[in-house]
């Protein structure tokens, strides 16, 4: 396994912790931002959070490509922008 596998697991851990019992069809940008806020509260760095959110969106793209979820879930989550330097509590 590569280090990317562990990076993906790390990125998905806060998502699974918070939303493991919900249907993926109910997931969207607001919930993705909620996961991102949880990462901020846990003390993650801004660049790590942005990378994790990109990995989550990539997993949604993979699921869409393999017809496991509706394209609307991926498309809506893709609209979430990254945290900007100086405009967040994440360091």
PDB file of N, CA and C in Angstrom:
ATOM      1  N   UNK A   1       0.833  -1.192   0.000  1.00  0.00           N
ATOM      2  CA  UNK A   1       0.000   0.000   0.000  1.00  0.00           C
ATOM      3  C   UNK A   1       0.874   1.251   0.000  1.00  0.00           C
ATOM      4  N   UNK A   2       0.321   2.291  -0.539  1.00  0.00           N
ATOM      5  CA  UNK A   2       1.046   3.559  -0.616  1.00  0.00           C
ATOM      6  C   UNK A   2       0.626   4.468   0.529  1.00  0.00           C
ATOM      7  N   UNK A   3       1.329   5.557   0.694  1.00  0.00           N
ATOM      8  CA  UNK A   3       0.958   6.517   1.738  1.00  0.00           C
ATOM      9  C   UNK A   3      -0.365   7.206   1.405  1.00  0.00           C
ATOM     10  N   UNK A   4      -0.741   7.213   0.142  1.00  0.00           N
ATOM     11  CA  UNK A   4      -2.014   7.818  -0.250  1.00  0.00           C
ATOM     12  C   UNK A   4      -3.188   7.041   0.355  1.00  0.00           C
ATOM     13  N   UNK A   5      -3.035   5.734   0.482  1.00  0.00           N
ATOM     14  CA  UNK A   5      -4.102   4.932   1.086  1.00  0.00           C
ATOM     15  C   UNK A   5      -4.349   5.381   2.520  1.00  0.00           C
ATOM     16  N   UNK A   6      -3.279   5.564   3.298  1.00  0.00           N
ATOM     17  CA  UNK A   6      -3.474   6.029   4.672  1.00  0.00           C
ATOM     18  C   UNK A   6      -3.972   7.462   4.713  1.00  0.00           C
ATOM     19  N   UNK A   7      -3.583   8.286   3.744  1.00  0.00           N
ATOM     20  CA  UNK A   7      -4.081   9.659   3.689  1.00  0.00           C
ATOM     21  C   UNK A   7      -5.584   9.669   3.404  1.00  0.00           C
ATOM     22  N   UNK A   8      -6.036   8.779   2.546  1.00  0.00           N
ATOM     23  CA  UNK A   8      -7.468   8.674   2.246  1.00  0.00           C
ATOM     24  C   UNK A   8      -8.227   8.200   3.480  1.00  0.00           C
ATOM     25  N   UNK A   9      -7.690   7.198   4.161  1.00  0.00           N
ATOM     26  CA  UNK A   9      -8.334   6.714   5.392  1.00  0.00           C
ATOM     27  C   UNK A   9      -8.435   7.832   6.419  1.00  0.00           C
ATOM     28  N   UNK A  10      -7.362   8.585   6.563  1.00  0.00           N
ATOM     29  CA  UNK A  10      -7.346   9.696   7.516  1.00  0.00           C
ATOM     30  C   UNK A  10      -8.381  10.751   7.136  1.00  0.00           C
ATOM     31  N   UNK A  11      -8.506  11.036   5.846  1.00  0.00           N
ATOM     32  CA  UNK A  11      -9.475  12.039   5.370  1.00  0.00           C
ATOM     33  C   UNK A  11     -10.908  11.576   5.600  1.00  0.00           C
ATOM     34  N   UNK A  12     -11.148  10.286   5.430  1.00  0.00           N
ATOM     35  CA  UNK A  12     -12.508   9.765   5.557  1.00  0.00           C
ATOM     36  C   UNK A  12     -12.928   9.527   7.002  1.00  0.00           C
ATOM     37  N   UNK A  13     -11.973   9.426   7.917  1.00  0.00           N
ATOM     38  CA  UNK A  13     -12.281   9.122   9.319  1.00  0.00           C
ATOM     39  C   UNK A  13     -13.274  10.114   9.938  1.00  0.00           C
ATOM     40  N   UNK A  14     -13.073  11.438   9.821  1.00  0.00           N
ATOM     41  CA  UNK A  14     -14.055  12.374  10.404  1.00  0.00           C
ATOM     42  C   UNK A  14     -15.427  12.290   9.733  1.00  0.00           C
ATOM     43  N   UNK A  15     -15.440  12.006   8.444  1.00  0.00           N
ATOM     44  CA  UNK A  15     -16.697  11.862   7.704  1.00  0.00           C
ATOM     45  C   UNK A  15     -17.474  10.661   8.212  1.00  0.00           C
ATOM     46  N   UNK A  16     -16.797   9.537   8.325  1.00  0.00           N
ATOM     47  CA  UNK A  16     -17.446   8.307   8.781  1.00  0.00           C
ATOM     48  C   UNK A  16     -17.900   8.444  10.229  1.00  0.00           C
ATOM     49  N   UNK A  17     -17.085   9.085  11.053  1.00  0.00           N
ATOM     50  CA  UNK A  17     -17.434   9.267  12.463  1.00  0.00           C
ATOM     51  C   UNK A  17     -18.736  10.045  12.619  1.00  0.00           C
ATOM     52  N   UNK A  18     -18.907  11.050  11.774  1.00  0.00           N
ATOM     53  CA  UNK A  18     -20.072  11.926  11.907  1.00  0.00           C
ATOM     54  C   UNK A  18     -21.307  11.444  11.137  1.00  0.00           C
ATOM     55  N   UNK A  19     -21.103  10.860   9.956  1.00  0.00           N
ATOM     56  CA  UNK A  19     -22.237  10.561   9.077  1.00  0.00           C
ATOM     57  C   UNK A  19     -22.324   9.100   8.642  1.00  0.00           C
ATOM     58  N   UNK A  20     -21.789   8.178   9.407  1.00  0.00           N
ATOM     59  CA  UNK A  20     -21.776   6.780   8.975  1.00  0.00           C
ATOM     60  C   UNK A  20     -23.168   6.156   8.881  1.00  0.00           C
ATOM     61  N   UNK A  21     -24.105   6.694   9.603  1.00  0.00           N
ATOM     62  CA  UNK A  21     -25.451   6.104   9.615  1.00  0.00           C
ATOM     63  C   UNK A  21     -26.412   6.758   8.617  1.00  0.00           C
ATOM     64  N   UNK A  22     -25.939   7.746   7.900  1.00  0.00           N
ATOM     65  CA  UNK A  22     -26.807   8.430   6.938  1.00  0.00           C
ATOM     66  C   UNK A  22     -26.579   7.902   5.528  1.00  0.00           C
ATOM     67  N   UNK A  23     -27.607   8.041   4.719  1.00  0.00           N
ATOM     68  CA  UNK A  23     -27.482   7.652   3.314  1.00  0.00           C
ATOM     69  C   UNK A  23     -26.627   8.675   2.591  1.00  0.00           C
ATOM     70  N   UNK A  24     -25.807   8.197   1.681  1.00  0.00           N
ATOM     71  CA  UNK A  24     -24.922   9.108   0.947  1.00  0.00           C
ATOM     72  C   UNK A  24     -25.732  10.053   0.066  1.00  0.00           C
ATOM     73  N   UNK A  25     -26.927   9.664  -0.305  1.00  0.00           N
ATOM     74  CA  UNK A  25     -27.766  10.544  -1.129  1.00  0.00           C
ATOM     75  C   UNK A  25     -28.187  11.794  -0.351  1.00  0.00           C
ATOM     76  N   UNK A  26     -28.080  11.772   0.975  1.00  0.00           N
ATOM     77  CA  UNK A  26     -28.417  12.936   1.797  1.00  0.00           C
ATOM     78  C   UNK A  26     -27.193  13.797   2.094  1.00  0.00           C
ATOM     79  N   UNK A  27     -26.043  13.393   1.584  1.00  0.00           N
ATOM     80  CA  UNK A  27     -24.808  14.136   1.829  1.00  0.00           C
ATOM     81  C   UNK A  27     -24.692  15.259   0.813  1.00  0.00           C
ATOM     82  N   UNK A  28     -24.196  16.400   1.257  1.00  0.00           N
ATOM     83  CA  UNK A  28     -24.043  17.535   0.359  1.00  0.00           C
ATOM     84  C   UNK A  28     -23.025  18.522   0.884  1.00  0.00           C
ATOM     85  N   UNK A  29     -22.959  19.692   0.284  1.00  0.00           N
ATOM     86  CA  UNK A  29     -21.961  20.684   0.661  1.00  0.00           C
ATOM     87  C   UNK A  29     -22.030  21.118   2.123  1.00  0.00           C
ATOM     88  N   UNK A  30     -23.220  21.269   2.646  1.00  0.00           N
ATOM     89  CA  UNK A  30     -23.358  21.713   4.035  1.00  0.00           C
ATOM     90  C   UNK A  30     -22.758  20.679   4.987  1.00  0.00           C
ATOM     91  N   UNK A  31     -22.990  19.411   4.714  1.00  0.00           N
ATOM     92  CA  UNK A  31     -22.437  18.360   5.569  1.00  0.00           C
ATOM     93  C   UNK A  31     -20.926  18.226   5.368  1.00  0.00           C
ATOM     94  N   UNK A  32     -20.456  18.448   4.160  1.00  0.00           N
ATOM     95  CA  UNK A  32     -19.022  18.420   3.920  1.00  0.00           C
ATOM     96  C   UNK A  32     -18.340  19.558   4.684  1.00  0.00           C
ATOM     97  N   UNK A  33     -18.960  20.724   4.694  1.00  0.00           N
ATOM     98  CA  UNK A  33     -18.415  21.848   5.455  1.00  0.00           C
ATOM     99  C   UNK A  33     -18.474  21.571   6.953  1.00  0.00           C
ATOM    100  N   UNK A  34     -19.468  20.827   7.392  1.00  0.00           N
ATOM    101  CA  UNK A  34     -19.568  20.428   8.787  1.00  0.00           C
ATOM    102  C   UNK A  34     -18.412  19.485   9.158  1.00  0.00           C
ATOM    103  N   UNK A  35     -18.092  18.563   8.267  1.00  0.00           N
ATOM    104  CA  UNK A  35     -16.944  17.674   8.472  1.00  0.00           C
ATOM    105  C   UNK A  35     -15.669  18.510   8.532  1.00  0.00           C
ATOM    106  N   UNK A  36     -15.561  19.470   7.636  1.00  0.00           N
ATOM    107  CA  UNK A  36     -14.393  20.355   7.609  1.00  0.00           C
ATOM    108  C   UNK A  36     -14.287  21.139   8.919  1.00  0.00           C
ATOM    109  N   UNK A  37     -15.406  21.620   9.446  1.00  0.00           N
ATOM    110  CA  UNK A  37     -15.403  22.331  10.725  1.00  0.00           C
ATOM    111  C   UNK A  37     -14.939  21.417  11.853  1.00  0.00           C
ATOM    112  N   UNK A  38     -15.299  20.139  11.781  1.00  0.00           N
ATOM    113  CA  UNK A  38     -14.834  19.182  12.774  1.00  0.00           C
ATOM    114  C   UNK A  38     -13.329  19.002  12.725  1.00  0.00           C
ATOM    115  N   UNK A  39     -12.771  19.043  11.521  1.00  0.00           N
ATOM    116  CA  UNK A  39     -11.319  18.958  11.370  1.00  0.00           C
ATOM    117  C   UNK A  39     -10.641  20.179  11.988  1.00  0.00           C
ATOM    118  N   UNK A  40     -11.242  21.350  11.811  1.00  0.00           N
ATOM    119  CA  UNK A  40     -10.709  22.576  12.405  1.00  0.00           C
ATOM    120  C   UNK A  40     -10.734  22.450  13.926  1.00  0.00           C
ATOM    121  N   UNK A  41     -11.859  21.976  14.460  1.00  0.00           N
ATOM    122  CA  UNK A  41     -11.997  21.823  15.909  1.00  0.00           C
ATOM    123  C   UNK A  41     -10.999  20.803  16.467  1.00  0.00           C
ATOM    124  N   UNK A  42     -10.647  19.813  15.655  1.00  0.00           N
ATOM    125  CA  UNK A  42      -9.699  18.780  16.090  1.00  0.00           C
ATOM    126  C   UNK A  42      -8.253  19.254  15.989  1.00  0.00           C
ATOM    127  N   UNK A  43      -8.045  20.465  15.448  1.00  0.00           N
ATOM    128  CA  UNK A  43      -6.698  21.019  15.384  1.00  0.00           C
ATOM    129  C   UNK A  43      -5.919  20.709  14.121  1.00  0.00           C
ATOM    130  N   UNK A  44      -6.612  20.264  13.076  1.00  0.00           N
ATOM    131  CA  UNK A  44      -5.933  19.998  11.812  1.00  0.00           C
ATOM    132  C   UNK A  44      -5.427  21.316  11.234  1.00  0.00           C
ATOM    133  N   UNK A  45      -4.368  21.255  10.461  1.00  0.00           N
ATOM    134  CA  UNK A  45      -3.823  22.423   9.763  1.00  0.00           C
ATOM    135  C   UNK A  45      -4.657  22.706   8.512  1.00  0.00           C
ATOM    136  N   UNK A  46      -4.677  23.969   8.113  1.00  0.00           N
ATOM    137  CA  UNK A  46      -5.468  24.389   6.949  1.00  0.00           C
ATOM    138  C   UNK A  46      -5.129  23.596   5.697  1.00  0.00           C
ATOM    139  N   UNK A  47      -3.840  23.424   5.422  1.00  0.00           N
ATOM    140  CA  UNK A  47      -3.441  22.699   4.205  1.00  0.00           C
ATOM    141  C   UNK A  47      -3.852  21.234   4.271  1.00  0.00           C
ATOM    142  N   UNK A  48      -3.789  20.651   5.462  1.00  0.00           N
ATOM    143  CA  UNK A  48      -4.223  19.258   5.639  1.00  0.00           C
ATOM    144  C   UNK A  48      -5.722  19.104   5.467  1.00  0.00           C
ATOM    145  N   UNK A  49      -6.457  20.096   5.944  1.00  0.00           N
ATOM    146  CA  UNK A  49      -7.913  20.076   5.798  1.00  0.00           C
ATOM    147  C   UNK A  49      -8.292  20.177   4.327  1.00  0.00           C
ATOM    148  N   UNK A  50      -7.667  21.115   3.616  1.00  0.00           N
ATOM    149  CA  UNK A  50      -7.967  21.268   2.188  1.00  0.00           C
ATOM    150  C   UNK A  50      -7.644  19.994   1.426  1.00  0.00           C
ATOM    151  N   UNK A  51      -6.524  19.355   1.755  1.00  0.00           N
ATOM    152  CA  UNK A  51      -6.147  18.104   1.084  1.00  0.00           C
ATOM    153  C   UNK A  51      -7.155  17.002   1.401  1.00  0.00           C
ATOM    154  N   UNK A  52      -7.607  16.941   2.646  1.00  0.00           N
ATOM    155  CA  UNK A  52      -8.576  15.918   3.053  1.00  0.00           C
ATOM    156  C   UNK A  52      -9.912  16.120   2.343  1.00  0.00           C
ATOM    157  N   UNK A  53     -10.359  17.366   2.247  1.00  0.00           N
ATOM    158  CA  UNK A  53     -11.626  17.644   1.559  1.00  0.00           C
ATOM    159  C   UNK A  53     -11.507  17.273   0.079  1.00  0.00           C
ATOM    160  N   UNK A  54     -10.366  17.577  -0.536  1.00  0.00           N
ATOM    161  CA  UNK A  54     -10.162  17.174  -1.936  1.00  0.00           C
ATOM    162  C   UNK A  54     -10.207  15.654  -2.080  1.00  0.00           C
ATOM    163  N   UNK A  55      -9.643  14.936  -1.125  1.00  0.00           N
ATOM    164  CA  UNK A  55      -9.673  13.470  -1.177  1.00  0.00           C
ATOM    165  C   UNK A  55     -11.095  12.946  -1.024  1.00  0.00           C
ATOM    166  N   UNK A  56     -11.875  13.546  -0.142  1.00  0.00           N
ATOM    167  CA  UNK A  56     -13.270  13.132   0.022  1.00  0.00           C
ATOM    168  C   UNK A  56     -14.038  13.350  -1.275  1.00  0.00           C
ATOM    169  N   UNK A  57     -13.838  14.506  -1.895  1.00  0.00           N
ATOM    170  CA  UNK A  57     -14.520  14.796  -3.161  1.00  0.00           C
ATOM    171  C   UNK A  57     -14.065  13.814  -4.241  1.00  0.00           C
ATOM    172  N   UNK A  58     -12.793  13.454  -4.233  1.00  0.00           N
ATOM    173  CA  UNK A  58     -12.289  12.459  -5.185  1.00  0.00           C
ATOM    174  C   UNK A  58     -12.951  11.105  -4.972  1.00  0.00           C
ATOM    175  N   UNK A  59     -13.201  10.738  -3.719  1.00  0.00           N
ATOM    176  CA  UNK A  59     -13.900   9.480  -3.437  1.00  0.00           C
ATOM    177  C   UNK A  59     -15.340   9.541  -3.935  1.00  0.00           C
ATOM    178  N   UNK A  60     -15.961  10.702  -3.800  1.00  0.00           N
ATOM    179  CA  UNK A  60     -17.316  10.866  -4.335  1.00  0.00           C
ATOM    180  C   UNK A  60     -17.319  10.766  -5.858  1.00  0.00           C
ATOM    181  N   UNK A  61     -16.280  11.318  -6.498  1.00  0.00           N
ATOM    182  CA  UNK A  61     -16.171  11.204  -7.952  1.00  0.00           C
ATOM    183  C   UNK A  61     -16.031   9.746  -8.363  1.00  0.00           C
ATOM    184  N   UNK A  62     -15.208   8.987  -7.628  1.00  0.00           N
ATOM    185  CA  UNK A  62     -15.021   7.569  -7.916  1.00  0.00           C
ATOM    186  C   UNK A  62     -16.346   6.830  -7.775  1.00  0.00           C
ATOM    187  N   UNK A  63     -17.092   7.135  -6.709  1.00  0.00           N
ATOM    188  CA  UNK A  63     -18.381   6.480  -6.485  1.00  0.00           C
ATOM    189  C   UNK A  63     -19.380   6.833  -7.587  1.00  0.00           C
ATOM    190  N   UNK A  64     -19.331   8.063  -8.069  1.00  0.00           N
ATOM    191  CA  UNK A  64     -20.194   8.469  -9.175  1.00  0.00           C
ATOM    192  C   UNK A  64     -19.804   7.727 -10.448  1.00  0.00           C
ATOM    193  N   UNK A  65     -18.516   7.661 -10.704  1.00  0.00           N
ATOM    194  CA  UNK A  65     -18.005   6.989 -11.904  1.00  0.00           C
ATOM    195  C   UNK A  65     -18.403   5.514 -11.933  1.00  0.00           C
ATOM    196  N   UNK A  66     -18.479   4.902 -10.769  1.00  0.00           N
ATOM    197  CA  UNK A  66     -18.838   3.490 -10.675  1.00  0.00           C
ATOM    198  C   UNK A  66     -20.318   3.274 -10.371  1.00  0.00           C
ATOM    199  N   UNK A  67     -21.104   4.332 -10.558  1.00  0.00           N
ATOM    200  CA  UNK A  67     -22.555   4.317 -10.412  1.00  0.00           C
ATOM    201  C   UNK A  67     -23.019   3.825  -9.047  1.00  0.00           C
ATOM    202  N   UNK A  68     -22.283   4.223  -8.005  1.00  0.00           N
ATOM    203  CA  UNK A  68     -22.653   3.869  -6.644  1.00  0.00           C
ATOM    204  C   UNK A  68     -23.466   4.976  -5.976  1.00  0.00           C
ATOM    205  N   UNK A  69     -23.289   6.209  -6.463  1.00  0.00           N
ATOM    206  CA  UNK A  69     -24.059   7.348  -5.953  1.00  0.00           C
ATOM    207  C   UNK A  69     -24.551   8.176  -7.129  1.00  0.00           C
ATOM    208  N   UNK A  70     -25.495   9.045  -6.851  1.00  0.00           N
ATOM    209  CA  UNK A  70     -26.000   9.947  -7.883  1.00  0.00           C
ATOM    210  C   UNK A  70     -24.967  11.031  -8.185  1.00  0.00           C
ATOM    211  N   UNK A  71     -24.855  11.429  -9.439  1.00  0.00           N
ATOM    212  CA  UNK A  71     -23.901  12.484  -9.787  1.00  0.00           C
ATOM    213  C   UNK A  71     -24.139  13.794  -9.044  1.00  0.00           C
ATOM    214  N   UNK A  72     -25.357  14.053  -8.641  1.00  0.00           N
ATOM    215  CA  UNK A  72     -25.662  15.312  -7.953  1.00  0.00           C
ATOM    216  C   UNK A  72     -24.912  15.436  -6.630  1.00  0.00           C
ATOM    217  N   UNK A  73     -24.643  14.320  -5.951  1.00  0.00           N
ATOM    218  CA  UNK A  73     -23.904  14.365  -4.689  1.00  0.00           C
ATOM    219  C   UNK A  73     -22.484  14.860  -4.948  1.00  0.00           C
ATOM    220  N   UNK A  74     -21.837  14.275  -5.942  1.00  0.00           N
ATOM    221  CA  UNK A  74     -20.472  14.687  -6.288  1.00  0.00           C
ATOM    222  C   UNK A  74     -20.440  16.134  -6.760  1.00  0.00           C
ATOM    223  N   UNK A  75     -21.330  16.494  -7.658  1.00  0.00           N
ATOM    224  CA  UNK A  75     -21.330  17.838  -8.230  1.00  0.00           C
ATOM    225  C   UNK A  75     -21.562  18.901  -7.163  1.00  0.00           C
ATOM    226  N   UNK A  76     -22.465  18.638  -6.237  1.00  0.00           N
ATOM    227  CA  UNK A  76     -22.735  19.641  -5.206  1.00  0.00           C
ATOM    228  C   UNK A  76     -21.553  19.771  -4.246  1.00  0.00           C
ATOM    229  N   UNK A  77     -20.916  18.663  -3.884  1.00  0.00           N
ATOM    230  CA  UNK A  77     -19.771  18.724  -2.959  1.00  0.00           C
ATOM    231  C   UNK A  77     -18.548  19.341  -3.627  1.00  0.00           C
ATOM    232  N   UNK A  78     -18.469  19.227  -4.917  1.00  0.00           N
ATOM    233  CA  UNK A  78     -17.358  19.815  -5.662  1.00  0.00           C
ATOM    234  C   UNK A  78     -17.343  21.336  -5.554  1.00  0.00           C
ATOM    235  N   UNK A  79     -18.484  21.908  -5.217  1.00  0.00           N
ATOM    236  CA  UNK A  79     -18.579  23.368  -5.131  1.00  0.00           C
ATOM    237  C   UNK A  79     -17.973  23.932  -3.846  1.00  0.00           C
ATOM    238  N   UNK A  80     -17.647  23.083  -2.882  1.00  0.00           N
ATOM    239  CA  UNK A  80     -17.077  23.558  -1.619  1.00  0.00           C
ATOM    240  C   UNK A  80     -15.646  24.040  -1.879  1.00  0.00           C
ATOM    241  N   UNK A  81     -15.391  25.283  -1.543  1.00  0.00           N
ATOM    242  CA  UNK A  81     -14.060  25.848  -1.771  1.00  0.00           C
ATOM    243  C   UNK A  81     -13.144  25.553  -0.595  1.00  0.00           C
ATOM    244  N   UNK A  82     -11.861  25.600  -0.858  1.00  0.00           N
ATOM    245  CA  UNK A  82     -10.872  25.354   0.179  1.00  0.00           C
ATOM    246  C   UNK A  82     -10.769  26.523   1.149  1.00  0.00           C
ATOM    247  N   UNK A  83     -10.203  26.218   2.315  1.00  0.00           N
ATOM    248  CA  UNK A  83      -9.982  27.267   3.305  1.00  0.00           C
ATOM    249  C   UNK A  83      -8.865  28.181   2.823  1.00  0.00           C
ATOM    250  N   UNK A  84      -9.033  29.466   3.003  1.00  0.00           N
ATOM    251  CA  UNK A  84      -8.033  30.433   2.571  1.00  0.00           C
ATOM    252  C   UNK A  84      -7.185  30.881   3.746  1.00  0.00           C
ATOM    253  N   UNK A  85      -5.941  31.155   3.462  1.00  0.00           N
ATOM    254  CA  UNK A  85      -5.007  31.611   4.472  1.00  0.00           C
ATOM    255  C   UNK A  85      -5.493  32.920   5.072  1.00  0.00           C
ATOM    256  N   UNK A  86      -5.505  32.994   6.386  1.00  0.00           N
ATOM    257  CA  UNK A  86      -5.904  34.205   7.075  1.00  0.00           C
ATOM    258  C   UNK A  86      -7.398  34.399   7.226  1.00  0.00           C
ATOM    259  N   UNK A  87      -8.191  33.505   6.684  1.00  0.00           N
ATOM    260  CA  UNK A  87      -9.646  33.663   6.748  1.00  0.00           C
ATOM    261  C   UNK A  87     -10.321  32.522   7.499  1.00  0.00           C
ATOM    262  N   UNK A  88      -9.545  31.801   8.299  1.00  0.00           N
ATOM    263  CA  UNK A  88     -10.079  30.680   9.052  1.00  0.00           C
ATOM    264  C   UNK A  88      -9.347  30.561  10.369  1.00  0.00           C
ATOM    265  N   UNK A  89      -9.931  29.828  11.286  1.00  0.00           N
ATOM    266  CA  UNK A  89      -9.296  29.576  12.578  1.00  0.00           C
ATOM    267  C   UNK A  89      -8.247  28.465  12.486  1.00  0.00           C
ATOM    268  N   UNK A  90      -8.244  27.738  11.374  1.00  0.00           N
ATOM    269  CA  UNK A  90      -7.235  26.692  11.197  1.00  0.00           C
ATOM    270  C   UNK A  90      -5.891  27.347  10.925  1.00  0.00           C
ATOM    271  N   UNK A  91      -4.857  26.808  11.564  1.00  0.00           N
ATOM    272  CA  UNK A  91      -3.537  27.425  11.390  1.00  0.00           C
ATOM    273  C   UNK A  91      -2.836  26.919  10.144  1.00  0.00           C
TER     274      UNK A  91
END
